[in-house]
Amino acid sequence: MGALVHAFMLRGIDALPCEVEVHFAQHGLPQVCVVGLPDAAVRESIERVRQSIEASAMEMPRHHIVVNLAPAGTRKEGSVYDLPIALGILAADGAVDPRRDGAPRVADWVVGGELALDGRLRAVRGAVSAALHARAQGRGLLVPAVNACEASLVPGVRVVGADSLADVVEFFRGNFDGVREACRGVTATGATQTASGPGSIDFREIRGQTAARRAMLIAAAGEHNVLLLGPPGCGKTMLARALPGILPSLTPEQSLEVLRIASCVGVPMPTHCNGALHVPRPVRAPHHGASASAILGGGPNGRPGEVTLAHRGILFLDELPEYRRDVLEGLREPLESGEVAVARASGSVTWPALALLVAAMNPSRDGGAGSGARGARLRAEYMSKISGPVLDRIDLHVALRPLTLADFSRARMGESTDELRARVERARSRSFARQGSVLNARLSGHELDRVCGFAPGARDLLLRGLDEMHLSARGYDKLRRVALTIADLAGADTVDEAAVAEALQYRALGAP
C-alpha cells in the first residue's frame, strides 16, 4: 500500500518540487520513519501528524510507515511538510478515497501546510512561490486558509484554502463545504507611503538643507544611490525616512515581486482591502553589526538578505563606515547588477536586489568635521574605511552642513512630500516614454549613448570635470545618468550645461 502527494520546498525565494511518498511495509513495528534528509522540524512533524489525525476523529494506521521526501539528496526544512505527510498517510490507508462524483484527485494538487495538535492548519512561508510552482506544474494549490489570499495573486492557478486536516480530507472525498476557493480577481497594487502615516516624515518638516533635499528628489526620480555625509543632528536620518514618501507606487508586477520575497521569509503581509493587497515599497535599515549573510543572503538555510528584502524599495545603511568590510565589498555586485549571486556547496542561487541604497555617515569617528591638520587626518581615516570601488557605485555624494538657530529661523518651508512625489512621477513618465520601463540609474552605456543627448558645450564640460576629478569610466556613465535625470526633472529634451554642472557637484567625494 502506498500513496504519493505533491509538495514543495523553498530554496531562497523559489519553490521546487518535492514528492512525499508513503509506503506501508508488511513487516516491522508500528512506527513512522521519515527519510530524504529531513531537518529537526520535519522529523518532529510525525508527532504533530499523529496527534492531528486522532484529533480529527480519524485513526492513525498501525503499520510500519516509510515516508520518503524526494529528491532524497536535497535537505528538507520547515513545517510545510506536515499536511502532505498526513494526507499521504491517510491516502495510503484509503481514508481519502472519493465518495462523490467529481471528487478531486490528490495527484492533481500541490499541498503544503503546518498542522496544530488539534488538527488546525497554520500558515507557512512561500505561498506565492508555491502558486507559481503549481501553475508551472499544471496543478492546483491547497494551502492553509490564511495563505490562500496571497497565493491567489498569481494568475492562472486554482488556489484552495482549508482551516483543518478534516476539511482537507473531506475535500478529496468530494465534500467541498469545508474548504474555500481563494478569491478570484484579487490584485496586488502599490501603496504610497503618505506623509501622515506612522513613522513617516513630510519633506516640509525638514528645514534648511536645500541641496540635500534636491539630491533626494533626483535620487527618487532616477533611482540613484545616494550617500549623505554630515555631522550628527544635521538631518541625514530625517531625509532617509522622508524619501519613501516621494517614490511612486509599485506596479502590480512589482508588487507581486515584493510579496513573493516577503512570503518566503515570513515578513507580514499587507492588509486586504476592496479586492486588492496594497503593497508599500519595502524599507530596510539593518544594524551596522549585521553579518555579510544577513545583508547579502546565504547562511546555512539559504535565506535572502536585507538587500533582497529591500527589492523595489530602499536599503538604508546608517553610519556606513561602521559596517564590516566584507559587507561593504559584497555590496559591489548587487549595486551594479541589481542581483545577488550566492554560491553554496549544494549549488548556486540568484536573488533580485533592485534596491535604492541610501547611506549616511559622519565626517569622522567622533562625529565632528574637525579643523586643521588633525581634522583633515581624522576625516581621511574615516573615509578610508569605504573603498573607492564602493564609492564609485554611489551616484550622489551629498555633503550636509550643520544648521544653526539662525538658519532655522531664516529657512523657508519647502515643497511637501506630495508635491515632490508629483515631480518625481512626471520625470519618470518622461524617461519611460523615451526608453521604456528602465529607470535612468539602470541604463547601460550603450543605452545612454542612444537616449542621452547633450546640448552644445555640455559634453565638453562633462569631460573637463572627469579629468579634474579623476573619475573612472563607471563614474562617467553615472554622471550621464544623473545629468539625464536632472534634465527630466526640468522637462528638457537634452542635457544642458546646467544639468552637467549639477551632476558634477554630486561627485565631490570623488573616487579613484
Protein backbone atom coordinates (compact mmCIF):
# COMPACT_ATOMS: atom_id res chain seq x y z
CA MET A 1 0.00 0.00 0.00
CA GLY A 2 1.31 3.46 -0.84
CA ALA A 3 0.46 7.00 -1.88
CA LEU A 4 2.12 10.00 -3.50
CA VAL A 5 1.46 13.65 -2.59
CA HIS A 6 2.99 16.61 -4.39
CA ALA A 7 4.52 19.19 -2.04
CA PHE A 8 7.08 21.96 -2.46
CA MET A 9 10.31 23.04 -0.84
CA LEU A 10 11.75 26.54 -0.66
CA ARG A 11 15.21 27.44 -1.89
CA GLY A 12 15.63 31.15 -1.32
CA ILE A 13 12.55 32.63 -2.97
CA ASP A 14 11.91 29.73 -5.36
CA ALA A 15 9.57 26.79 -4.76
CA LEU A 16 10.95 23.49 -6.04
CA PRO A 17 9.06 20.21 -6.47
CA CYS A 18 9.05 17.70 -3.63
CA GLU A 19 7.27 14.34 -3.78
CA VAL A 20 6.05 12.87 -0.49
CA GLU A 21 5.99 9.09 -0.97
CA VAL A 22 4.25 7.00 1.71
CA HIS A 23 4.64 3.21 1.89
CA PHE A 24 3.12 0.74 4.36
CA ALA A 25 5.56 -2.09 4.95
CA GLN A 26 4.22 -5.62 5.52
CA HIS A 27 6.69 -6.27 8.30
CA GLY A 28 8.09 -4.23 11.15
CA LEU A 29 6.90 -2.49 14.29
CA PRO A 30 4.19 0.20 14.01
CA GLN A 31 6.17 3.40 13.59
CA VAL A 32 6.78 6.19 11.11
CA CYS A 33 10.22 6.61 9.54
CA VAL A 34 10.93 9.79 7.53
CA VAL A 35 13.83 9.70 5.07
CA GLY A 36 15.11 12.16 2.48
CA LEU A 37 17.38 14.47 4.51
CA PRO A 38 14.73 15.89 6.86
CA ASP A 39 15.76 18.54 9.38
CA ALA A 40 14.62 18.56 13.01
CA ALA A 41 11.34 20.33 12.25
CA VAL A 42 10.43 17.68 9.64
CA ARG A 43 11.37 14.78 11.93
CA GLU A 44 9.24 16.28 14.71
CA SER A 45 6.31 16.55 12.31
CA ILE A 46 5.45 12.89 12.92
CA GLU A 47 4.12 13.65 16.39
CA ARG A 48 2.12 16.61 15.07
CA VAL A 49 0.73 14.43 12.29
CA ARG A 50 -0.19 11.60 14.66
CA GLN A 51 -1.96 13.85 17.13
CA SER A 52 -3.79 15.91 14.48
CA ILE A 53 -5.11 12.75 12.77
CA GLU A 54 -6.51 11.48 16.05
CA ALA A 55 -7.92 14.94 16.92
CA SER A 56 -9.73 14.92 13.55
CA ALA A 57 -11.71 11.80 14.53
CA MET A 58 -9.59 9.53 12.33
CA GLU A 59 -7.28 6.67 13.20
CA MET A 60 -3.54 6.61 12.72
CA PRO A 61 -2.70 3.44 10.74
CA ARG A 62 -0.84 0.84 12.81
CA HIS A 63 1.81 -0.10 10.26
CA HIS A 64 5.49 0.35 9.73
CA ILE A 65 5.23 3.51 7.61
CA VAL A 66 8.08 4.83 5.49
CA VAL A 67 7.81 8.45 4.30
CA ASN A 68 10.30 9.45 1.60
CA LEU A 69 10.79 13.09 0.70
CA ALA A 70 12.15 13.19 -2.84
CA PRO A 71 14.55 14.25 -4.19
CA ALA A 72 16.34 12.48 -1.36
CA GLY A 73 19.62 14.35 -1.86
CA THR A 74 18.20 17.79 -1.02
CA ARG A 75 17.73 18.86 2.59
CA LYS A 76 14.09 19.42 3.64
CA GLU A 77 13.43 22.19 6.15
CA GLY A 78 10.45 23.59 8.00
CA SER A 79 6.92 22.55 8.90
CA VAL A 80 5.41 22.85 5.41
CA TYR A 81 5.51 19.04 5.04
CA ASP A 82 3.08 18.34 7.92
CA LEU A 83 -0.04 18.37 5.75
CA PRO A 84 1.46 16.43 2.78
CA ILE A 85 2.73 13.71 5.15
CA ALA A 86 -0.63 13.43 6.94
CA LEU A 87 -2.52 13.40 3.65
CA GLY A 88 -0.18 10.76 2.23
CA ILE A 89 -0.63 8.50 5.25
CA LEU A 90 -4.42 8.81 5.11
CA ALA A 91 -4.45 8.33 1.32
CA ALA A 92 -2.37 5.14 1.62
CA ASP A 93 -4.85 3.90 4.23
CA GLY A 94 -7.82 4.64 1.96
CA ALA A 95 -9.27 7.36 4.18
CA VAL A 96 -9.45 9.91 1.35
CA ASP A 97 -10.94 7.69 -1.34
CA PRO A 98 -13.60 9.54 -3.41
CA ARG A 99 -17.13 9.20 -2.09
CA ARG A 100 -18.84 11.53 -4.53
CA ASP A 101 -18.69 12.06 -8.27
CA GLY A 102 -16.36 14.84 -9.30
CA ALA A 103 -14.09 14.49 -6.27
CA PRO A 104 -10.61 15.93 -6.95
CA ARG A 105 -7.60 13.65 -7.25
CA VAL A 106 -4.72 14.08 -4.81
CA ALA A 107 -2.27 13.82 -7.72
CA ASP A 108 -3.69 16.99 -9.30
CA TRP A 109 -2.76 19.24 -6.36
CA VAL A 110 0.32 20.73 -4.73
CA VAL A 111 -0.16 20.67 -0.95
CA GLY A 112 1.56 22.47 1.91
CA GLY A 113 0.70 23.41 5.49
CA GLU A 114 1.66 23.14 9.15
CA LEU A 115 -0.55 21.12 11.49
CA ALA A 116 -1.58 22.07 15.00
CA LEU A 117 -2.18 19.32 17.57
CA ASP A 118 -5.93 19.82 17.29
CA GLY A 119 -5.90 19.39 13.51
CA ARG A 120 -5.97 23.08 12.55
CA LEU A 121 -3.79 24.36 9.73
CA ARG A 122 -1.26 27.07 10.43
CA ALA A 123 0.34 29.43 7.92
CA VAL A 124 3.50 28.52 6.04
CA ARG A 125 6.12 30.54 4.20
CA GLY A 126 6.33 30.80 0.41
CA ALA A 127 2.69 30.58 -0.65
CA VAL A 128 3.23 32.95 -3.59
CA SER A 129 6.21 30.95 -4.84
CA ALA A 130 4.22 27.73 -4.33
CA ALA A 131 1.44 29.12 -6.54
CA LEU A 132 3.97 29.91 -9.26
CA HIS A 133 5.32 26.36 -8.97
CA ALA A 134 1.84 24.81 -9.07
CA ARG A 135 0.97 26.82 -12.17
CA ALA A 136 4.14 25.62 -13.90
CA GLN A 137 3.23 22.03 -12.98
CA GLY A 138 -0.34 22.42 -14.24
CA ARG A 139 -1.79 21.61 -10.80
CA GLY A 140 -3.93 23.36 -8.23
CA LEU A 141 -2.62 24.57 -4.86
CA LEU A 142 -4.06 23.61 -1.47
CA VAL A 143 -2.72 25.65 1.47
CA PRO A 144 -3.97 26.90 4.85
CA ALA A 145 -6.78 29.40 4.52
CA VAL A 146 -4.60 32.22 5.89
CA ASN A 147 -2.22 31.75 2.93
CA ALA A 148 -4.88 31.42 0.24
CA CYS A 149 -5.31 35.16 -0.41
CA GLU A 150 -1.65 35.85 -1.13
CA ALA A 151 -1.33 32.71 -3.26
CA SER A 152 -4.36 33.74 -5.32
CA LEU A 153 -2.47 36.80 -6.57
CA VAL A 154 -0.72 34.52 -9.07
CA PRO A 155 -2.95 34.35 -12.16
CA GLY A 156 -3.71 31.10 -13.92
CA VAL A 157 -3.73 28.75 -10.93
CA ARG A 158 -6.60 27.42 -8.80
CA VAL A 159 -5.98 28.02 -5.10
CA VAL A 160 -7.99 26.40 -2.30
CA GLY A 161 -7.67 27.24 1.39
CA ALA A 162 -8.60 24.97 4.29
CA ASP A 163 -8.81 25.51 8.05
CA SER A 164 -8.16 21.95 9.23
CA LEU A 165 -6.95 18.50 8.26
CA ALA A 166 -10.54 17.22 8.42
CA ASP A 167 -11.59 19.80 5.81
CA VAL A 168 -8.78 18.67 3.51
CA VAL A 169 -9.85 15.03 3.80
CA GLU A 170 -13.48 15.92 3.06
CA PHE A 171 -12.35 17.97 0.06
CA PHE A 172 -10.69 14.95 -1.56
CA ARG A 173 -13.69 12.78 -0.67
CA GLY A 174 -15.84 15.16 -2.72
CA ASN A 175 -17.35 17.32 0.02
CA PHE A 176 -16.38 20.95 -0.70
CA ASP A 177 -18.22 22.56 2.23
CA GLY A 178 -15.17 22.86 4.48
CA VAL A 179 -12.77 24.48 2.01
CA ARG A 180 -12.83 27.92 0.43
CA GLU A 181 -11.62 28.68 -3.03
CA ALA A 182 -9.42 31.76 -2.91
CA CYS A 183 -11.00 34.97 -4.11
CA ARG A 184 -10.50 35.41 -7.81
CA GLY A 185 -9.77 38.87 -9.10
CA VAL A 186 -7.67 39.90 -6.09
CA THR A 187 -4.75 42.03 -7.26
CA ALA A 188 -1.57 43.36 -5.68
CA THR A 189 -1.28 47.13 -6.06
CA GLY A 190 1.31 49.58 -4.88
CA ALA A 191 0.63 51.72 -1.84
CA THR A 192 2.14 55.17 -1.43
CA GLN A 193 3.64 55.96 1.95
CA THR A 194 1.72 59.07 2.97
CA ALA A 195 3.38 61.84 4.91
CA SER A 196 0.77 61.37 7.64
CA GLY A 197 1.45 57.66 8.06
CA PRO A 198 3.05 56.20 11.19
CA GLY A 199 6.77 56.91 11.41
CA SER A 200 6.81 58.93 8.17
CA ILE A 201 8.14 62.44 7.73
CA ASP A 202 6.89 65.14 5.39
CA PHE A 203 9.65 66.89 3.46
CA ARG A 204 8.05 70.15 4.56
CA GLU A 205 9.22 69.38 8.11
CA ILE A 206 12.88 69.38 7.04
CA ARG A 207 14.21 72.91 7.42
CA GLY A 208 17.26 74.06 5.52
CA GLN A 209 19.48 71.56 3.69
CA THR A 210 18.15 72.73 0.33
CA ALA A 211 20.90 70.95 -1.59
CA ALA A 212 20.25 67.67 0.22
CA ARG A 213 16.50 67.89 -0.44
CA ARG A 214 17.27 68.45 -4.09
CA ALA A 215 19.58 65.41 -4.13
CA MET A 216 16.85 63.21 -2.63
CA LEU A 217 14.46 64.40 -5.33
CA ILE A 218 16.97 63.39 -8.01
CA ALA A 219 17.58 60.03 -6.28
CA ALA A 220 13.86 59.27 -6.29
CA ALA A 221 13.31 60.37 -9.90
CA GLY A 222 16.08 58.19 -11.36
CA GLU A 223 16.52 55.67 -8.50
CA HIS A 224 20.10 56.76 -7.91
CA ASN A 225 22.07 55.54 -4.90
CA VAL A 226 22.91 58.37 -2.52
CA LEU A 227 25.44 58.97 0.27
CA LEU A 228 24.68 61.62 2.90
CA LEU A 229 27.77 62.99 4.69
CA GLY A 230 27.35 65.36 7.60
CA PRO A 231 27.74 65.87 11.36
CA PRO A 232 25.26 64.40 13.85
CA GLY A 233 21.90 66.16 14.00
CA CYS A 234 22.05 67.77 10.57
CA GLY A 235 19.08 65.81 9.19
CA LYS A 236 20.55 62.73 7.47
CA THR A 237 18.16 60.25 9.06
CA MET A 238 15.16 62.55 8.55
CA LEU A 239 15.94 62.78 4.85
CA ALA A 240 16.21 59.00 4.59
CA ARG A 241 12.91 58.49 6.43
CA ALA A 242 11.16 61.05 4.23
CA LEU A 243 12.42 59.56 0.95
CA PRO A 244 9.90 56.66 0.67
CA GLY A 245 7.04 59.15 0.59
CA ILE A 246 8.13 60.67 -2.72
CA LEU A 247 8.64 57.36 -4.52
CA PRO A 248 5.82 56.36 -6.89
CA SER A 249 3.62 53.38 -6.06
CA LEU A 250 4.66 49.92 -7.18
CA THR A 251 3.13 48.49 -10.33
CA PRO A 252 1.09 45.26 -9.97
CA GLU A 253 4.01 43.22 -11.32
CA GLN A 254 6.45 44.84 -8.90
CA SER A 255 4.00 44.35 -6.03
CA LEU A 256 3.89 40.62 -6.76
CA GLU A 257 7.71 40.50 -6.75
CA VAL A 258 7.79 42.17 -3.32
CA LEU A 259 5.06 39.88 -1.98
CA ARG A 260 6.86 36.79 -3.23
CA ILE A 261 10.02 37.72 -1.33
CA ALA A 262 8.10 38.71 1.80
CA SER A 263 6.12 35.46 1.71
CA CYS A 264 9.26 33.32 1.51
CA VAL A 265 10.98 34.94 4.51
CA GLY A 266 7.89 35.32 6.68
CA VAL A 267 7.50 39.10 6.56
CA PRO A 268 3.88 40.01 7.50
CA MET A 269 1.63 40.52 4.51
CA PRO A 270 -0.18 43.83 3.87
CA THR A 271 -3.87 44.06 4.62
CA HIS A 272 -6.55 43.02 2.13
CA CYS A 273 -8.80 45.88 1.09
CA ASN A 274 -11.55 46.03 -1.55
CA GLY A 275 -10.26 43.16 -3.66
CA ALA A 276 -6.61 44.24 -3.55
CA LEU A 277 -3.50 43.85 -1.44
CA HIS A 278 -1.92 47.27 -1.02
CA VAL A 279 1.82 46.74 -1.01
CA PRO A 280 4.13 49.57 0.13
CA ARG A 281 7.72 49.77 -1.02
CA PRO A 282 9.91 47.88 1.45
CA VAL A 283 12.28 49.91 3.61
CA ARG A 284 15.08 48.01 5.33
CA ALA A 285 17.51 49.51 7.82
CA PRO A 286 19.82 46.77 9.15
CA HIS A 287 22.13 47.43 12.10
CA HIS A 288 25.77 48.11 11.28
CA GLY A 289 26.76 44.98 13.21
CA ALA A 290 24.92 42.71 10.77
CA SER A 291 26.92 39.94 9.09
CA ALA A 292 27.52 39.52 5.39
CA SER A 293 24.98 36.67 5.30
CA ALA A 294 22.35 38.89 6.93
CA ILE A 295 22.90 41.72 4.44
CA LEU A 296 23.67 39.79 1.25
CA GLY A 297 21.93 36.48 1.95
CA GLY A 298 23.09 32.91 2.31
CA GLY A 299 23.94 31.16 5.54
CA PRO A 300 23.08 27.56 6.42
CA ASN A 301 19.40 27.97 5.49
CA GLY A 302 19.98 29.92 2.27
CA ARG A 303 17.87 32.87 3.41
CA PRO A 304 17.71 36.05 1.29
CA GLY A 305 19.47 39.01 2.86
CA GLU A 306 18.44 42.58 3.57
CA VAL A 307 19.41 43.78 0.10
CA THR A 308 16.89 41.30 -1.38
CA LEU A 309 14.24 42.16 1.21
CA ALA A 310 14.66 45.78 0.06
CA HIS A 311 13.98 44.82 -3.58
CA ARG A 312 11.97 47.60 -5.29
CA GLY A 313 12.39 49.67 -2.13
CA ILE A 314 15.05 51.34 -0.01
CA LEU A 315 18.08 49.92 1.79
CA PHE A 316 19.20 52.43 4.43
CA LEU A 317 22.70 51.92 5.84
CA ASP A 318 23.29 54.39 8.65
CA GLU A 319 26.91 55.05 9.67
CA LEU A 320 28.24 53.34 6.56
CA PRO A 321 31.92 53.10 7.65
CA GLU A 322 30.89 51.11 10.73
CA TYR A 323 29.70 48.17 8.63
CA ARG A 324 32.11 45.29 8.24
CA ARG A 325 34.49 45.45 5.33
CA ASP A 326 33.25 42.19 3.79
CA VAL A 327 29.68 43.54 3.89
CA LEU A 328 30.58 46.73 2.04
CA GLU A 329 32.69 44.95 -0.53
CA GLY A 330 29.97 42.35 -1.00
CA LEU A 331 27.56 45.11 -2.00
CA ARG A 332 29.58 45.95 -5.13
CA GLU A 333 27.88 43.46 -7.44
CA PRO A 334 24.29 43.98 -6.18
CA LEU A 335 24.64 47.75 -6.57
CA GLU A 336 25.83 47.32 -10.13
CA SER A 337 23.68 44.45 -11.43
CA GLY A 338 20.62 44.51 -9.17
CA GLU A 339 21.12 40.82 -8.28
CA VAL A 340 22.79 38.77 -5.56
CA ALA A 341 24.51 35.54 -6.60
CA VAL A 342 25.21 33.19 -3.67
CA ALA A 343 27.30 30.07 -4.21
CA ARG A 344 26.89 27.17 -1.79
CA ALA A 345 28.15 23.61 -1.64
CA SER A 346 24.73 22.37 -2.77
CA GLY A 347 24.57 24.82 -5.68
CA SER A 348 24.24 28.49 -6.51
CA VAL A 349 21.20 30.74 -6.36
CA THR A 350 20.46 34.24 -7.65
CA TRP A 351 18.10 36.65 -5.89
CA PRO A 352 16.78 40.02 -7.09
CA ALA A 353 18.21 43.10 -5.38
CA LEU A 354 16.97 46.20 -7.22
CA ALA A 355 17.14 48.38 -4.12
CA LEU A 356 17.78 52.11 -3.83
CA LEU A 357 20.75 52.49 -1.46
CA VAL A 358 20.65 55.40 0.96
CA ALA A 359 23.82 55.57 3.05
CA ALA A 360 24.67 58.06 5.79
CA MET A 361 27.85 58.78 7.68
CA ASN A 362 29.52 61.31 9.95
CA PRO A 363 32.65 63.12 8.75
CA SER A 364 34.79 61.32 11.35
CA ARG A 365 34.50 58.70 14.07
CA ASP A 366 33.92 61.30 16.80
CA GLY A 367 31.13 62.86 14.70
CA GLY A 368 32.57 66.31 14.09
CA ALA A 369 34.19 67.63 10.97
CA GLY A 370 37.17 68.96 12.94
CA SER A 371 39.54 71.64 11.78
CA GLY A 372 43.15 72.00 10.82
CA ALA A 373 45.55 69.18 10.04
CA ARG A 374 44.17 66.88 12.74
CA GLY A 375 40.61 67.27 11.49
CA ALA A 376 41.70 66.53 7.93
CA ARG A 377 43.55 63.43 9.09
CA LEU A 378 40.55 62.14 11.06
CA ARG A 379 38.24 62.72 8.11
CA ALA A 380 40.60 60.94 5.74
CA GLU A 381 40.97 57.96 8.09
CA TYR A 382 37.23 57.58 8.49
CA MET A 383 36.56 57.93 4.78
CA SER A 384 39.25 55.34 4.00
CA LYS A 385 37.06 52.66 5.61
CA ILE A 386 34.93 52.87 2.44
CA SER A 387 36.81 51.65 -0.60
CA GLY A 388 36.97 53.60 -3.83
CA PRO A 389 35.04 50.96 -5.85
CA VAL A 390 32.16 51.13 -3.36
CA LEU A 391 32.07 54.93 -3.50
CA ASP A 392 32.23 54.75 -7.27
CA ARG A 393 28.96 52.78 -7.29
CA ILE A 394 27.09 55.50 -5.39
CA ASP A 395 25.70 58.09 -7.80
CA LEU A 396 25.11 61.05 -5.48
CA HIS A 397 27.54 62.22 -2.82
CA VAL A 398 25.85 64.88 -0.70
CA ALA A 399 27.62 66.93 1.97
CA LEU A 400 25.35 68.37 4.67
CA ARG A 401 26.45 71.24 6.88
CA PRO A 402 25.37 71.78 10.50
CA LEU A 403 22.45 74.15 10.93
CA THR A 404 22.37 76.98 13.45
CA LEU A 405 19.32 78.53 15.11
CA ALA A 406 19.68 81.44 12.72
CA ASP A 407 19.48 79.02 9.80
CA PHE A 408 16.25 77.58 11.17
CA SER A 409 14.70 80.99 11.64
CA ARG A 410 15.59 82.11 8.12
CA ALA A 411 14.76 78.83 6.36
CA ARG A 412 11.60 78.94 4.30
CA MET A 413 9.23 75.99 4.21
CA GLY A 414 9.98 73.88 1.14
CA GLU A 415 7.84 71.67 -1.05
CA SER A 416 5.76 68.99 0.63
CA THR A 417 6.11 65.27 0.10
CA ASP A 418 3.02 65.20 -2.13
CA GLU A 419 4.39 67.99 -4.34
CA LEU A 420 7.78 66.31 -4.66
CA ARG A 421 6.16 62.97 -5.50
CA ALA A 422 4.23 64.62 -8.31
CA ARG A 423 7.52 65.96 -9.72
CA VAL A 424 9.11 62.52 -9.46
CA GLU A 425 6.20 60.91 -11.29
CA ARG A 426 6.39 63.48 -14.12
CA ALA A 427 10.15 62.92 -14.50
CA ARG A 428 9.71 59.15 -14.58
CA SER A 429 6.93 59.45 -17.15
CA ARG A 430 9.33 61.35 -19.43
CA SER A 431 12.02 58.70 -19.03
CA PHE A 432 9.58 55.81 -19.61
CA ALA A 433 8.27 57.45 -22.78
CA ARG A 434 11.85 57.74 -24.01
CA GLN A 435 13.42 54.42 -23.01
CA GLY A 436 10.70 52.08 -21.79
CA SER A 437 10.39 50.83 -18.22
CA VAL A 438 14.12 51.09 -17.43
CA LEU A 439 14.94 53.82 -14.93
CA ASN A 440 17.83 56.18 -15.64
CA ALA A 441 20.07 54.63 -12.96
CA ARG A 442 19.78 51.23 -14.69
CA LEU A 443 20.63 52.36 -18.22
CA SER A 444 23.66 50.66 -19.77
CA GLY A 445 26.39 52.63 -21.50
CA HIS A 446 25.04 51.66 -24.92
CA GLU A 447 21.54 52.80 -23.98
CA LEU A 448 22.93 56.07 -22.64
CA ASP A 449 24.62 56.72 -25.97
CA ARG A 450 21.26 56.24 -27.65
CA VAL A 451 18.94 58.26 -25.39
CA CYS A 452 21.17 60.85 -23.71
CA GLY A 453 21.53 63.87 -25.98
CA PHE A 454 23.87 66.68 -24.91
CA ALA A 455 23.42 70.35 -25.70
CA PRO A 456 26.43 72.21 -27.24
CA GLY A 457 29.12 72.65 -24.60
CA ALA A 458 27.58 70.20 -22.11
CA ARG A 459 29.72 67.24 -23.19
CA ASP A 460 32.90 69.34 -23.08
CA LEU A 461 32.05 70.40 -19.53
CA LEU A 462 31.48 66.76 -18.59
CA LEU A 463 34.83 65.66 -19.98
CA ARG A 464 36.67 68.50 -18.25
CA GLY A 465 35.05 67.55 -14.96
CA LEU A 466 36.04 63.92 -15.38
CA ASP A 467 39.68 64.88 -15.94
CA GLU A 468 39.80 67.22 -12.97
CA MET A 469 38.09 64.79 -10.57
CA HIS A 470 39.98 61.72 -11.88
CA LEU A 471 36.82 59.63 -12.11
CA SER A 472 36.57 56.16 -13.67
CA ALA A 473 34.68 55.08 -16.77
CA ARG A 474 31.92 53.90 -14.43
CA GLY A 475 31.86 57.40 -12.95
CA TYR A 476 31.43 58.82 -16.44
CA ASP A 477 28.30 56.76 -17.03
CA LYS A 478 26.93 57.59 -13.60
CA LEU A 479 27.40 61.29 -14.26
CA ARG A 480 25.49 60.95 -17.52
CA ARG A 481 22.66 59.11 -15.76
CA VAL A 482 22.35 61.74 -13.06
CA ALA A 483 22.50 64.57 -15.59
CA LEU A 484 19.76 62.85 -17.61
CA THR A 485 17.54 62.64 -14.51
CA ILE A 486 18.14 66.34 -13.80
CA ALA A 487 17.07 67.13 -17.35
CA ASP A 488 13.92 65.01 -16.90
CA LEU A 489 13.04 66.93 -13.73
CA ALA A 490 13.46 70.18 -15.67
CA GLY A 491 11.33 68.86 -18.55
CA ALA A 492 14.20 69.32 -21.02
CA ASP A 493 14.71 67.17 -24.10
CA THR A 494 18.52 67.45 -23.96
CA VAL A 495 21.13 67.59 -21.21
CA ASP A 496 22.44 71.13 -20.93
CA GLU A 497 25.46 72.60 -19.14
CA ALA A 498 23.47 73.39 -16.01
CA ALA A 499 22.44 69.72 -15.65
CA VAL A 500 26.03 68.55 -16.13
CA ALA A 501 27.36 71.11 -13.63
CA GLU A 502 24.84 69.97 -11.01
CA ALA A 503 25.67 66.32 -11.64
CA LEU A 504 29.39 67.05 -11.19
CA GLN A 505 28.84 68.62 -7.79
CA TYR A 506 27.29 65.39 -6.54
CA ARG A 507 30.60 63.60 -7.14
CA ALA A 508 32.51 65.88 -4.77
CA LEU A 509 33.83 62.99 -2.71
CA GLY A 510 35.32 61.54 -5.87
CA ALA A 511 36.61 58.02 -6.41
CA PRO A 512 39.93 56.72 -7.66
